C-alpha atoms as a PDB file:
ATOM      1  CA  MET A   1      17.711 -24.025   4.829  1.00  0.00           C
ATOM      2  CA  GLN A   2      17.717 -21.211   2.511  1.00  0.00           C
ATOM      3  CA  GLY A   3      17.152 -17.490   2.356  1.00  0.00           C
ATOM      4  CA  LEU A   4      17.278 -14.463   0.058  1.00  0.00           C
ATOM      5  CA  VAL A   5      20.102 -12.215   0.215  1.00  0.00           C
ATOM      6  CA  HIS A   6      20.079  -8.622  -0.868  1.00  0.00           C
ATOM      7  CA  SER A   7      23.731  -8.492  -0.221  1.00  0.00           C
ATOM      8  CA  ILE A   8      27.089  -9.379   1.848  1.00  0.00           C
ATOM      9  CA  ASP A   9      29.385  -6.466   2.791  1.00  0.00           C
ATOM     10  CA  THR A  10      32.733  -7.706   4.370  1.00  0.00           C
ATOM     11  CA  PHE A  11      35.413  -5.628   6.222  1.00  0.00           C
ATOM     12  CA  SER A  12      32.590  -3.281   7.167  1.00  0.00           C
ATOM     13  CA  THR A  13      33.430  -1.134   9.993  1.00  0.00           C
ATOM     14  CA  VAL A  14      29.974   0.795  10.343  1.00  0.00           C
ATOM     15  CA  ASP A  15      27.594  -1.553  11.453  1.00  0.00           C
ATOM     16  CA  GLY A  16      28.925  -2.275  14.805  1.00  0.00           C
ATOM     17  CA  PRO A  17      32.268  -2.864  16.554  1.00  0.00           C
ATOM     18  CA  GLY A  18      35.260  -3.726  14.859  1.00  0.00           C
ATOM     19  CA  ILE A  19      35.554  -5.405  11.510  1.00  0.00           C
ATOM     20  CA  ARG A  20      32.193  -7.130  10.485  1.00  0.00           C
ATOM     21  CA  THR A  21      30.527  -9.193   7.880  1.00  0.00           C
ATOM     22  CA  VAL A  22      27.167  -7.518   7.069  1.00  0.00           C
ATOM     23  CA  ILE A  23      24.469  -9.728   5.702  1.00  0.00           C
ATOM     24  CA  PHE A  24      21.821  -7.510   4.326  1.00  0.00           C
ATOM     25  CA  LEU A  25      18.539  -9.764   4.306  1.00  0.00           C
ATOM     26  CA  GLN A  26      15.978  -9.442   1.410  1.00  0.00           C
ATOM     27  CA  GLY A  27      12.409  -8.679   2.233  1.00  0.00           C
ATOM     28  CA  CYS A  28      10.304  -6.305   4.690  1.00  0.00           C
ATOM     29  CA  HIS A  29       6.721  -5.684   5.261  1.00  0.00           C
ATOM     30  CA  LEU A  30       7.254  -2.952   7.870  1.00  0.00           C
ATOM     31  CA  ARG A  31       8.180   0.100   5.442  1.00  0.00           C
ATOM     32  CA  CYS A  32       9.672   2.364   7.902  1.00  0.00           C
ATOM     33  CA  LYS A  33       9.995   6.088   7.056  1.00  0.00           C
ATOM     34  CA  TYR A  34      13.481   6.202   8.282  1.00  0.00           C
ATOM     35  CA  CYS A  35      14.789   2.782   6.462  1.00  0.00           C
ATOM     36  CA  HIS A  36      18.140   3.414   4.857  1.00  0.00           C
ATOM     37  CA  ASN A  37      17.631   0.295   2.932  1.00  0.00           C
ATOM     38  CA  PRO A  38      14.415   0.568   0.987  1.00  0.00           C
ATOM     39  CA  ASP A  39      15.773  -1.419  -1.857  1.00  0.00           C
ATOM     40  CA  ALA A  40      15.844  -4.751   0.455  1.00  0.00           C
ATOM     41  CA  TRP A  41      11.983  -4.378   1.137  1.00  0.00           C
ATOM     42  CA  ASN A  42      10.763  -6.495  -2.148  1.00  0.00           C
ATOM     43  CA  LEU A  43      10.800 -10.197  -1.898  1.00  0.00           C
ATOM     44  CA  ASN A  44      10.688 -10.276  -5.742  1.00  0.00           C
ATOM     45  CA  SER A  45      13.884  -8.281  -6.272  1.00  0.00           C
ATOM     46  CA  LYS A  46      16.107  -9.270  -9.069  1.00  0.00           C
ATOM     47  CA  GLN A  47      19.020  -8.285  -6.939  1.00  0.00           C
ATOM     48  CA  ALA A  48      18.388 -10.606  -4.134  1.00  0.00           C
ATOM     49  CA  LYS A  49      20.212 -14.155  -4.127  1.00  0.00           C
ATOM     50  CA  GLU A  50      19.095 -17.172  -2.512  1.00  0.00           C
ATOM     51  CA  TYR A  51      21.879 -18.935  -0.021  1.00  0.00           C
ATOM     52  CA  SER A  52      21.780 -21.601   1.839  1.00  0.00           C
ATOM     53  CA  ALA A  53      23.056 -21.647   5.544  1.00  0.00           C
ATOM     54  CA  GLU A  54      26.109 -23.706   4.665  1.00  0.00           C
ATOM     55  CA  GLU A  55      27.202 -20.973   2.096  1.00  0.00           C
ATOM     56  CA  ILE A  56      26.577 -18.112   4.547  1.00  0.00           C
ATOM     57  CA  VAL A  57      28.768 -19.787   7.080  1.00  0.00           C
ATOM     58  CA  GLN A  58      31.600 -20.367   4.624  1.00  0.00           C
ATOM     59  CA  ILE A  59      31.384 -16.480   3.753  1.00  0.00           C
ATOM     60  CA  VAL A  60      31.299 -15.501   7.509  1.00  0.00           C
ATOM     61  CA  LEU A  61      34.132 -17.845   8.463  1.00  0.00           C
ATOM     62  CA  ARG A  62      36.461 -16.339   6.037  1.00  0.00           C
ATOM     63  CA  GLY A  63      36.414 -13.053   8.389  1.00  0.00           C
ATOM     64  CA  LYS A  64      37.138 -14.749  11.876  1.00  0.00           C
ATOM     65  CA  PRO A  65      40.905 -13.745  11.953  1.00  0.00           C
ATOM     66  CA  TYR A  66      39.791 -10.242  11.344  1.00  0.00           C
ATOM     67  CA  PHE A  67      36.840 -10.632  13.801  1.00  0.00           C
ATOM     68  CA  LYS A  68      39.065 -11.696  16.605  1.00  0.00           C
ATOM     69  CA  ALA A  69      41.892  -9.299  15.967  1.00  0.00           C
ATOM     70  CA  SER A  70      39.431  -6.247  16.127  1.00  0.00           C
ATOM     71  CA  LYS A  71      36.798  -7.674  18.509  1.00  0.00           C
ATOM     72  CA  GLY A  72      34.201  -7.625  15.493  1.00  0.00           C
ATOM     73  CA  GLY A  73      31.730  -9.897  14.104  1.00  0.00           C
ATOM     74  CA  VAL A  74      28.502 -10.573  12.021  1.00  0.00           C
ATOM     75  CA  THR A  75      25.692  -8.153  11.524  1.00  0.00           C
ATOM     76  CA  LEU A  76      22.052  -9.239  10.141  1.00  0.00           C
ATOM     77  CA  SER A  77      20.439  -6.270   8.551  1.00  0.00           C
ATOM     78  CA  GLY A  78      17.757  -6.015   6.299  1.00  0.00           C
ATOM     79  CA  GLY A  79      15.254  -5.934   4.944  1.00  0.00           C
ATOM     80  CA  GLU A  80      13.721  -7.340   8.284  1.00  0.00           C
ATOM     81  CA  PRO A  81      16.294 -10.199   9.357  1.00  0.00           C
ATOM     82  CA  LEU A  82      13.422 -11.673  11.643  1.00  0.00           C
ATOM     83  CA  LEU A  83      10.746 -12.094   9.164  1.00  0.00           C
END
């Protein structure tokens, strides 16, 4: 399984409780006026990178000790993560 990712932020403290890994997915057709990531709308963006599920899991697992210590975790954001 592959997916387009706009960017990945590690050690984030603003997109949920504790220390988090935030995965910003690429692509959104909603075009909300209040969107704070309009650069993640276009599915054909040159900034986007294709990742496999296994690659994402490996990136996320690097933060596991920090998630446990801070009651943090993973945030999927967009673009639209439910496309």
